[in-house]
Amino acid sequence: DSLDRSKRNVDESEEDAQLAEYQAKFLPEEGEVAQWDEEEPDLEDLEDDEEEEGEDDEGGETKGWFGKSAVGSFLKNSLESATGNKVLTAEELAPVLDAMRQQLISKNVASEIALNITETVKASLVGQKLASFTRVKTMVTQALKSAVLRVLTPKKSTDILHEIISHRSRGKPYTIVFVGINGVGKSTSLAKVCYYLKQHGIKVMIAACDTFRSGAVEQLRSHARCLDVPLFEKGYLKDPGEVARAAIDEGTANGFDVVLVDTAGRMQNNDKLMKELAKLVQINDPNLLLFVGEALVGNDGIDQLLMFNKALQTYIPRSQAHEVDGIVLTKFDTIDDKVGATLSMSYKTGQPVMFVGTGQKYTHLKKLNVNSVIRALFS
């Protein structure tokens, strides 16, 4: 009996040490403002800056993106531009669009997607009349910004708080499932979303459905203790779909608003884990299925995202189809202006980036500001 008591004391002291470590690492400093509450600037009107940068382009012998041109040709183009009679041709647009495409690629937009978007813009501009006193570059930039804005603007509500509160009347928790490969910050992103919801008065429970990776349950247990929220767990080597179902039942019985479901990090060569994920989604039909990926991975991130969608398409009957509903991008604070993954992933899936992670602490999470992304892409 004394041995049992001694082992309990050791276990408890280890847990207390782990809790203290997580609190120091993840909880905000006193008085720290959560990043989701910080004001984001609106999209600045960059056209004025572009005009200032390029106002000498037309008159010099070398015209930046447009290459060299004869003075006579310049005068003719200037006159047509001033009167609004100039009709845009594919040949005139080509060098501008090529430079724009290279710029998008330099900002980490996938090359295939940069090409697709610039081709769409070209098709929309060929044959259009250049507005009076407007440069070709300015018109192309405006059209390209509009095209990017259409891709990044969510087609549905991304206000999770509103969705959760509206769901309360249904008598069961709003369920969010997090998927992604190992090492991208999936469990930490789940914990950040949990903290965000809790700060807004939402009653949250976490479900440990990564029953495959050693240490996954313990990691979530430490987050749950730090967050002071309950963790539903059944240990390892269990069917994750059944664990999720039991967690949702538990959440329903105890009046929880939300169940956040962690899943095993999966790779495309592991059919067993992919089938388990598809089963979890099929039998529990979550309200939101979030893919977590890194902000700087470029084409790899798109491949990972499409891999998850393909598995869901393959292993779930079409009548119950459910693909990724939204995206969480981690390490967004490390990429400077290379924000292209946001455009690439939304373009490929038609789904919005719901959150971006901007640091280690629970408060380092914010909604994607589309205007900031456009500013970064065209800076």
Protein backbone atom coordinates (compact mmCIF):
# COMPACT_ATOMS: atom_id res chain seq x y z
CA ASP A 1 0.00 0.00 0.00
CA SER A 2 2.87 2.37 0.83
CA LEU A 3 4.46 1.45 -2.53
CA ASP A 4 1.22 2.34 -4.35
CA ARG A 5 1.08 5.64 -2.47
CA SER A 6 4.70 6.38 -3.35
CA LYS A 7 4.10 5.61 -7.07
CA ARG A 8 1.00 7.85 -7.00
CA ASN A 9 3.02 10.69 -5.50
CA VAL A 10 5.71 10.31 -8.20
CA ASP A 11 3.08 10.24 -10.98
CA GLU A 12 1.35 13.31 -9.55
CA SER A 13 4.60 15.26 -9.24
CA GLU A 14 5.50 14.38 -12.84
CA GLU A 15 2.06 15.54 -13.99
CA ASP A 16 2.42 18.77 -12.01
CA ALA A 17 5.83 19.41 -13.58
CA GLN A 18 4.38 18.75 -17.03
CA LEU A 19 1.47 21.12 -16.32
CA ALA A 20 3.85 23.88 -15.19
CA GLU A 21 5.91 23.40 -18.37
CA TYR A 22 2.80 23.67 -20.60
CA GLN A 23 1.51 26.71 -18.71
CA ALA A 24 4.83 28.53 -19.20
CA LYS A 25 5.02 27.52 -22.85
CA PHE A 26 1.46 28.03 -24.07
CA LEU A 27 -0.50 30.36 -21.76
CA PRO A 28 -0.34 34.11 -22.54
CA GLU A 29 1.47 36.64 -20.38
CA GLU A 30 -0.71 38.68 -18.06
CA GLY A 31 -2.36 41.49 -20.00
CA GLU A 32 -1.35 40.05 -23.39
CA VAL A 33 -3.89 40.74 -26.13
CA ALA A 34 -4.94 37.68 -28.11
CA GLN A 35 -3.96 38.03 -31.75
CA TRP A 36 -7.53 37.38 -32.90
CA ASP A 37 -8.49 40.62 -31.13
CA GLU A 38 -5.82 42.75 -32.80
CA GLU A 39 -7.01 45.20 -35.45
CA GLU A 40 -6.06 44.34 -39.02
CA PRO A 41 -5.48 47.17 -41.51
CA ASP A 42 -7.74 47.33 -44.54
CA LEU A 43 -6.42 46.85 -48.05
CA GLU A 44 -4.49 49.94 -49.02
CA ASP A 45 -4.98 51.40 -52.44
CA LEU A 46 -1.74 50.27 -54.00
CA GLU A 47 -2.54 51.67 -57.44
CA ASP A 48 -1.28 55.12 -56.42
CA ASP A 49 2.03 53.61 -55.32
CA GLU A 50 2.29 51.68 -58.57
CA GLU A 51 1.71 54.84 -60.56
CA GLU A 52 4.45 56.62 -58.60
CA GLU A 53 6.85 53.69 -59.09
CA GLY A 54 6.17 53.51 -62.78
CA GLU A 55 5.38 57.05 -63.80
CA ASP A 56 8.77 57.38 -65.51
CA ASP A 57 8.53 53.97 -67.17
CA GLU A 58 6.57 55.17 -70.16
CA GLY A 59 8.90 58.07 -71.01
CA GLY A 60 12.26 56.31 -70.67
CA GLU A 61 13.93 54.17 -73.25
CA THR A 62 13.66 51.08 -71.02
CA LYS A 63 10.16 50.50 -69.68
CA GLY A 64 10.67 47.96 -66.87
CA TRP A 65 8.31 45.05 -67.49
CA PHE A 66 7.46 46.28 -70.98
CA GLY A 67 11.01 46.19 -72.39
CA LYS A 68 12.30 48.84 -74.90
CA SER A 69 10.00 50.76 -77.14
CA ALA A 70 10.39 53.43 -79.81
CA VAL A 71 9.43 57.01 -78.96
CA GLY A 72 6.89 57.07 -81.78
CA SER A 73 5.20 53.92 -80.51
CA PHE A 74 5.18 55.37 -77.02
CA LEU A 75 3.50 58.58 -78.19
CA LYS A 76 0.87 56.64 -80.12
CA ASN A 77 0.15 54.38 -77.14
CA SER A 78 0.05 57.34 -74.78
CA LEU A 79 -2.45 59.16 -77.00
CA GLU A 80 -4.67 56.10 -77.29
CA SER A 81 -4.43 55.50 -73.55
CA ALA A 82 -5.35 59.14 -72.83
CA THR A 83 -8.45 58.97 -75.03
CA GLY A 84 -9.50 55.51 -73.86
CA ASN A 85 -9.35 54.07 -77.40
CA LYS A 86 -6.56 51.56 -76.90
CA VAL A 87 -7.74 47.94 -77.20
CA LEU A 88 -5.68 45.41 -75.23
CA THR A 89 -4.05 42.57 -77.17
CA ALA A 90 -2.61 39.26 -75.97
CA GLU A 91 0.84 40.39 -77.13
CA GLU A 92 0.74 43.54 -74.99
CA LEU A 93 -0.54 41.67 -71.96
CA ALA A 94 1.95 38.80 -72.20
CA PRO A 95 5.05 40.47 -70.65
CA VAL A 96 3.02 42.06 -67.86
CA LEU A 97 1.20 38.84 -67.02
CA ASP A 98 4.44 36.84 -67.18
CA ALA A 99 6.05 39.20 -64.67
CA MET A 100 2.96 38.96 -62.46
CA ARG A 101 3.01 35.15 -62.66
CA GLN A 102 6.68 35.12 -61.62
CA GLN A 103 5.84 37.44 -58.72
CA LEU A 104 3.08 35.10 -57.50
CA ILE A 105 5.45 32.12 -57.71
CA SER A 106 8.08 34.08 -55.74
CA LYS A 107 5.43 34.52 -53.02
CA ASN A 108 5.02 30.71 -52.79
CA VAL A 109 1.95 30.35 -55.02
CA ALA A 110 2.11 26.97 -56.79
CA SER A 111 3.36 27.51 -60.36
CA GLU A 112 0.40 25.71 -61.94
CA ILE A 113 -2.05 27.89 -60.02
CA ALA A 114 -0.16 31.11 -60.79
CA LEU A 115 -0.38 30.18 -64.49
CA ASN A 116 -4.10 29.33 -64.28
CA ILE A 117 -4.98 32.61 -62.59
CA THR A 118 -2.96 34.78 -64.97
CA GLU A 119 -4.44 32.95 -67.98
CA THR A 120 -7.94 33.63 -66.64
CA VAL A 121 -7.08 37.30 -66.26
CA LYS A 122 -5.65 37.43 -69.79
CA ALA A 123 -8.85 35.93 -71.22
CA SER A 124 -10.90 38.56 -69.38
CA LEU A 125 -8.76 41.50 -70.61
CA VAL A 126 -8.01 40.73 -74.26
CA GLY A 127 -10.21 42.98 -76.42
CA GLN A 128 -11.05 45.31 -73.53
CA LYS A 129 -10.48 49.04 -73.98
CA LEU A 130 -7.84 50.56 -71.75
CA ALA A 131 -9.49 53.17 -69.54
CA SER A 132 -8.38 56.76 -70.08
CA PHE A 133 -4.94 57.59 -68.63
CA THR A 134 -4.51 53.98 -67.41
CA ARG A 135 -1.36 51.93 -67.86
CA VAL A 136 -1.52 48.29 -68.95
CA LYS A 137 0.28 47.20 -65.79
CA THR A 138 -2.26 49.00 -63.59
CA MET A 139 -5.22 47.42 -65.36
CA VAL A 140 -3.66 43.94 -65.16
CA THR A 141 -2.84 44.40 -61.46
CA GLN A 142 -6.40 45.45 -60.68
CA ALA A 143 -7.83 42.47 -62.60
CA LEU A 144 -5.42 40.08 -60.89
CA LYS A 145 -6.25 41.41 -57.43
CA SER A 146 -9.95 40.92 -58.17
CA ALA A 147 -9.29 37.34 -59.31
CA VAL A 148 -7.28 36.56 -56.15
CA LEU A 149 -9.96 38.19 -53.98
CA ARG A 150 -12.62 35.93 -55.53
CA VAL A 151 -10.55 32.83 -54.70
CA LEU A 152 -9.79 33.87 -51.11
CA THR A 153 -13.23 35.24 -50.20
CA PRO A 154 -15.10 32.46 -48.36
CA LYS A 155 -18.19 31.10 -50.11
CA LYS A 156 -19.74 30.33 -46.72
CA SER A 157 -19.62 31.65 -43.17
CA THR A 158 -16.28 31.26 -41.39
CA ASP A 159 -17.71 32.61 -38.13
CA ILE A 160 -17.30 29.46 -36.04
CA LEU A 161 -18.65 31.12 -32.89
CA HIS A 162 -21.92 32.00 -34.64
CA GLU A 163 -22.19 28.48 -36.09
CA ILE A 164 -21.64 26.87 -32.68
CA ILE A 165 -24.16 29.10 -30.90
CA SER A 166 -26.74 28.47 -33.65
CA HIS A 167 -26.13 24.72 -33.27
CA ARG A 168 -26.94 24.66 -29.55
CA SER A 169 -30.66 24.20 -30.17
CA ARG A 170 -29.99 20.80 -31.81
CA GLY A 171 -29.18 19.21 -28.46
CA LYS A 172 -25.79 17.77 -29.45
CA PRO A 173 -22.29 19.20 -29.65
CA TYR A 174 -20.87 20.92 -32.72
CA THR A 175 -18.06 18.60 -33.81
CA ILE A 176 -14.77 19.74 -35.35
CA VAL A 177 -12.32 17.13 -36.65
CA PHE A 178 -8.66 18.08 -37.22
CA VAL A 179 -6.66 16.19 -39.86
CA GLY A 180 -3.13 16.54 -41.21
CA ILE A 181 0.19 14.75 -41.38
CA ASN A 182 2.49 14.41 -38.36
CA GLY A 183 4.65 17.33 -37.35
CA VAL A 184 2.62 20.25 -38.74
CA GLY A 185 1.23 21.40 -35.38
CA LYS A 186 -2.17 19.72 -35.52
CA SER A 187 -2.61 19.04 -31.79
CA THR A 188 -1.32 22.51 -30.86
CA SER A 189 -3.70 24.09 -33.40
CA LEU A 190 -6.57 22.13 -31.85
CA ALA A 191 -5.51 23.43 -28.42
CA LYS A 192 -5.39 27.02 -29.73
CA VAL A 193 -8.90 26.71 -31.20
CA CYS A 194 -10.03 25.25 -27.86
CA TYR A 195 -8.61 28.25 -25.99
CA TYR A 196 -10.21 30.64 -28.50
CA LEU A 197 -13.63 29.02 -28.04
CA LYS A 198 -13.31 28.88 -24.26
CA GLN A 199 -12.41 32.58 -24.12
CA HIS A 200 -15.70 33.25 -25.92
CA GLY A 201 -17.83 31.32 -23.42
CA ILE A 202 -18.07 28.04 -25.34
CA LYS A 203 -18.12 24.78 -23.33
CA VAL A 204 -15.49 22.55 -24.97
CA MET A 205 -14.39 18.94 -24.68
CA ILE A 206 -11.39 17.36 -26.46
CA ALA A 207 -11.48 13.82 -27.87
CA ALA A 208 -8.17 11.93 -28.20
CA CYS A 209 -8.73 9.92 -31.40
CA ASP A 210 -5.09 9.57 -32.40
CA THR A 211 -4.95 6.04 -31.05
CA PHE A 212 -1.90 5.22 -33.20
CA ARG A 213 1.02 7.55 -32.43
CA SER A 214 2.86 6.89 -29.20
CA GLY A 215 2.58 9.89 -26.88
CA ALA A 216 -0.36 11.49 -28.73
CA VAL A 217 -2.86 10.92 -25.89
CA GLU A 218 -0.40 12.15 -23.27
CA GLN A 219 0.27 15.31 -25.31
CA LEU A 220 -3.45 16.08 -25.50
CA ARG A 221 -3.89 15.28 -21.82
CA SER A 222 -1.25 17.91 -21.00
CA HIS A 223 -3.02 20.47 -23.23
CA ALA A 224 -6.40 19.62 -21.67
CA ARG A 225 -5.03 20.12 -18.14
CA CYS A 226 -3.40 23.39 -19.16
CA LEU A 227 -6.64 24.56 -20.81
CA ASP A 228 -8.74 23.21 -17.91
CA VAL A 229 -11.08 21.31 -20.22
CA PRO A 230 -12.07 17.62 -20.08
CA LEU A 231 -10.34 15.07 -22.31
CA PHE A 232 -12.20 12.01 -23.57
CA GLU A 233 -9.76 9.16 -24.17
CA LYS A 234 -9.75 5.38 -24.53
CA GLY A 235 -5.99 4.84 -24.85
CA TYR A 236 -4.27 3.29 -27.86
CA LEU A 237 -5.03 0.68 -30.54
CA LYS A 238 -8.75 1.46 -30.43
CA ASP A 239 -11.02 2.22 -33.39
CA PRO A 240 -10.76 6.05 -33.61
CA GLY A 241 -14.22 6.35 -35.19
CA GLU A 242 -15.82 4.58 -32.23
CA VAL A 243 -13.80 6.67 -29.76
CA ALA A 244 -15.08 9.83 -31.49
CA ARG A 245 -18.66 8.55 -31.40
CA ALA A 246 -18.40 7.77 -27.67
CA ALA A 247 -16.89 11.22 -27.07
CA ILE A 248 -19.77 12.93 -28.88
CA ASP A 249 -22.28 10.87 -26.86
CA GLU A 250 -20.49 11.92 -23.68
CA GLY A 251 -20.52 15.53 -24.82
CA THR A 252 -24.26 15.34 -25.56
CA ALA A 253 -25.02 13.82 -22.16
CA ASN A 254 -23.06 16.51 -20.33
CA GLY A 255 -24.22 19.56 -22.29
CA PHE A 256 -21.01 20.45 -24.11
CA ASP A 257 -21.23 22.94 -26.98
CA VAL A 258 -18.24 21.55 -28.90
CA VAL A 259 -16.19 18.38 -29.24
CA LEU A 260 -12.74 18.89 -30.82
CA VAL A 261 -11.47 15.64 -32.33
CA ASP A 262 -7.74 14.98 -32.76
CA THR A 263 -6.76 12.32 -35.32
CA ALA A 264 -3.61 10.42 -36.24
CA GLY A 265 -1.19 12.12 -38.61
CA ARG A 266 -1.52 10.18 -41.84
CA MET A 267 0.60 9.67 -44.91
CA GLN A 268 -0.66 8.63 -48.31
CA ASN A 269 1.09 5.26 -48.14
CA ASN A 270 -0.83 4.16 -45.04
CA ASP A 271 -4.16 2.84 -46.31
CA LYS A 272 -5.17 1.50 -42.91
CA LEU A 273 -4.99 4.90 -41.24
CA MET A 274 -6.70 6.58 -44.21
CA LYS A 275 -9.58 4.07 -44.03
CA GLU A 276 -9.89 4.69 -40.29
CA LEU A 277 -10.07 8.44 -40.86
CA ALA A 278 -12.74 8.01 -43.54
CA LYS A 279 -14.75 5.78 -41.21
CA LEU A 280 -14.46 8.34 -38.40
CA VAL A 281 -15.81 11.05 -40.71
CA GLN A 282 -18.51 8.81 -42.17
CA ILE A 283 -20.02 7.57 -38.91
CA ASN A 284 -19.76 10.87 -37.01
CA ASP A 285 -20.50 13.36 -39.83
CA PRO A 286 -18.61 16.28 -38.21
CA ASN A 287 -19.88 19.82 -38.62
CA LEU A 288 -16.41 20.99 -39.63
CA LEU A 289 -13.44 19.05 -41.02
CA LEU A 290 -10.26 21.14 -40.77
CA PHE A 291 -7.01 20.34 -42.59
CA VAL A 292 -3.92 21.57 -40.75
CA GLY A 293 -0.82 22.32 -42.83
CA GLU A 294 2.27 24.50 -42.71
CA ALA A 295 2.19 27.90 -44.39
CA LEU A 296 5.51 27.53 -46.21
CA VAL A 297 5.28 24.02 -47.67
CA GLY A 298 4.06 25.11 -51.12
CA ASN A 299 3.16 22.24 -53.43
CA ASP A 300 3.72 19.63 -50.71
CA GLY A 301 0.91 21.15 -48.68
CA ILE A 302 -1.46 21.05 -51.64
CA ASP A 303 -0.53 17.41 -52.28
CA GLN A 304 -1.22 16.55 -48.63
CA LEU A 305 -4.59 18.30 -48.70
CA LEU A 306 -5.65 16.64 -51.95
CA MET A 307 -4.48 13.29 -50.56
CA PHE A 308 -6.89 13.62 -47.63
CA ASN A 309 -9.76 14.58 -49.91
CA LYS A 310 -8.99 11.66 -52.22
CA ALA A 311 -9.07 9.22 -49.30
CA LEU A 312 -12.40 10.64 -48.14
CA GLN A 313 -13.78 10.32 -51.68
CA THR A 314 -12.45 6.76 -52.02
CA TYR A 315 -13.58 5.31 -48.71
CA ILE A 316 -16.85 7.14 -48.03
CA PRO A 317 -19.95 6.33 -50.12
CA ARG A 318 -20.88 9.16 -52.45
CA SER A 319 -24.25 9.58 -50.72
CA GLN A 320 -22.39 10.52 -47.51
CA ALA A 321 -19.60 12.50 -49.19
CA HIS A 322 -17.66 14.78 -46.83
CA GLU A 323 -14.38 16.45 -47.79
CA VAL A 324 -12.22 19.04 -46.03
CA ASP A 325 -14.35 22.10 -45.12
CA GLY A 326 -11.62 24.52 -44.11
CA ILE A 327 -7.89 25.01 -43.62
CA VAL A 328 -5.65 25.98 -40.71
CA LEU A 329 -2.15 27.16 -41.65
CA THR A 330 0.56 26.97 -38.99
CA LYS A 331 3.85 28.94 -38.72
CA PHE A 332 2.27 31.90 -40.52
CA ASP A 333 4.56 34.21 -38.56
CA THR A 334 7.66 32.68 -40.19
CA ILE A 335 6.86 33.32 -43.86
CA ASP A 336 7.17 37.11 -44.20
CA ASP A 337 5.34 37.95 -47.46
CA LYS A 338 5.42 34.41 -48.89
CA VAL A 339 1.71 33.90 -48.31
CA GLY A 340 1.04 31.90 -51.49
CA ALA A 341 -0.08 28.70 -49.72
CA THR A 342 -3.30 30.46 -48.73
CA LEU A 343 -4.12 31.13 -52.37
CA SER A 344 -2.97 27.73 -53.63
CA MET A 345 -4.97 25.69 -51.13
CA SER A 346 -8.16 27.74 -51.46
CA TYR A 347 -7.88 27.66 -55.26
CA LYS A 348 -7.49 23.87 -55.32
CA THR A 349 -10.28 23.06 -52.85
CA GLY A 350 -12.65 26.01 -52.99
CA GLN A 351 -12.46 26.04 -49.18
CA PRO A 352 -11.37 28.95 -46.97
CA VAL A 353 -8.39 29.32 -44.67
CA MET A 354 -10.23 29.56 -41.34
CA PHE A 355 -7.30 30.25 -39.01
CA VAL A 356 -3.57 30.92 -39.14
CA GLY A 357 -1.14 30.10 -36.35
CA THR A 358 1.28 32.94 -35.62
CA GLY A 359 3.42 31.63 -32.77
CA GLN A 360 3.55 29.11 -29.96
CA LYS A 361 1.10 30.42 -27.38
CA TYR A 362 -2.62 29.66 -27.36
CA THR A 363 -3.32 33.33 -28.16
CA HIS A 364 -1.15 33.18 -31.31
CA LEU A 365 -4.07 32.40 -33.57
CA LYS A 366 -6.01 34.67 -35.87
CA LYS A 367 -8.55 34.67 -38.65
CA LEU A 368 -7.04 35.04 -42.12
CA ASN A 369 -7.16 38.66 -43.26
CA VAL A 370 -7.70 38.45 -47.02
CA ASN A 371 -6.67 42.07 -47.55
CA SER A 372 -3.32 41.44 -45.84
CA VAL A 373 -2.70 38.44 -48.11
CA ILE A 374 -3.43 40.48 -51.24
CA ARG A 375 -1.15 43.25 -50.02
CA ALA A 376 1.67 40.73 -49.43
CA LEU A 377 1.20 39.03 -52.81
CA PHE A 378 1.45 42.32 -54.71
CA SER A 379 4.04 44.11 -52.58
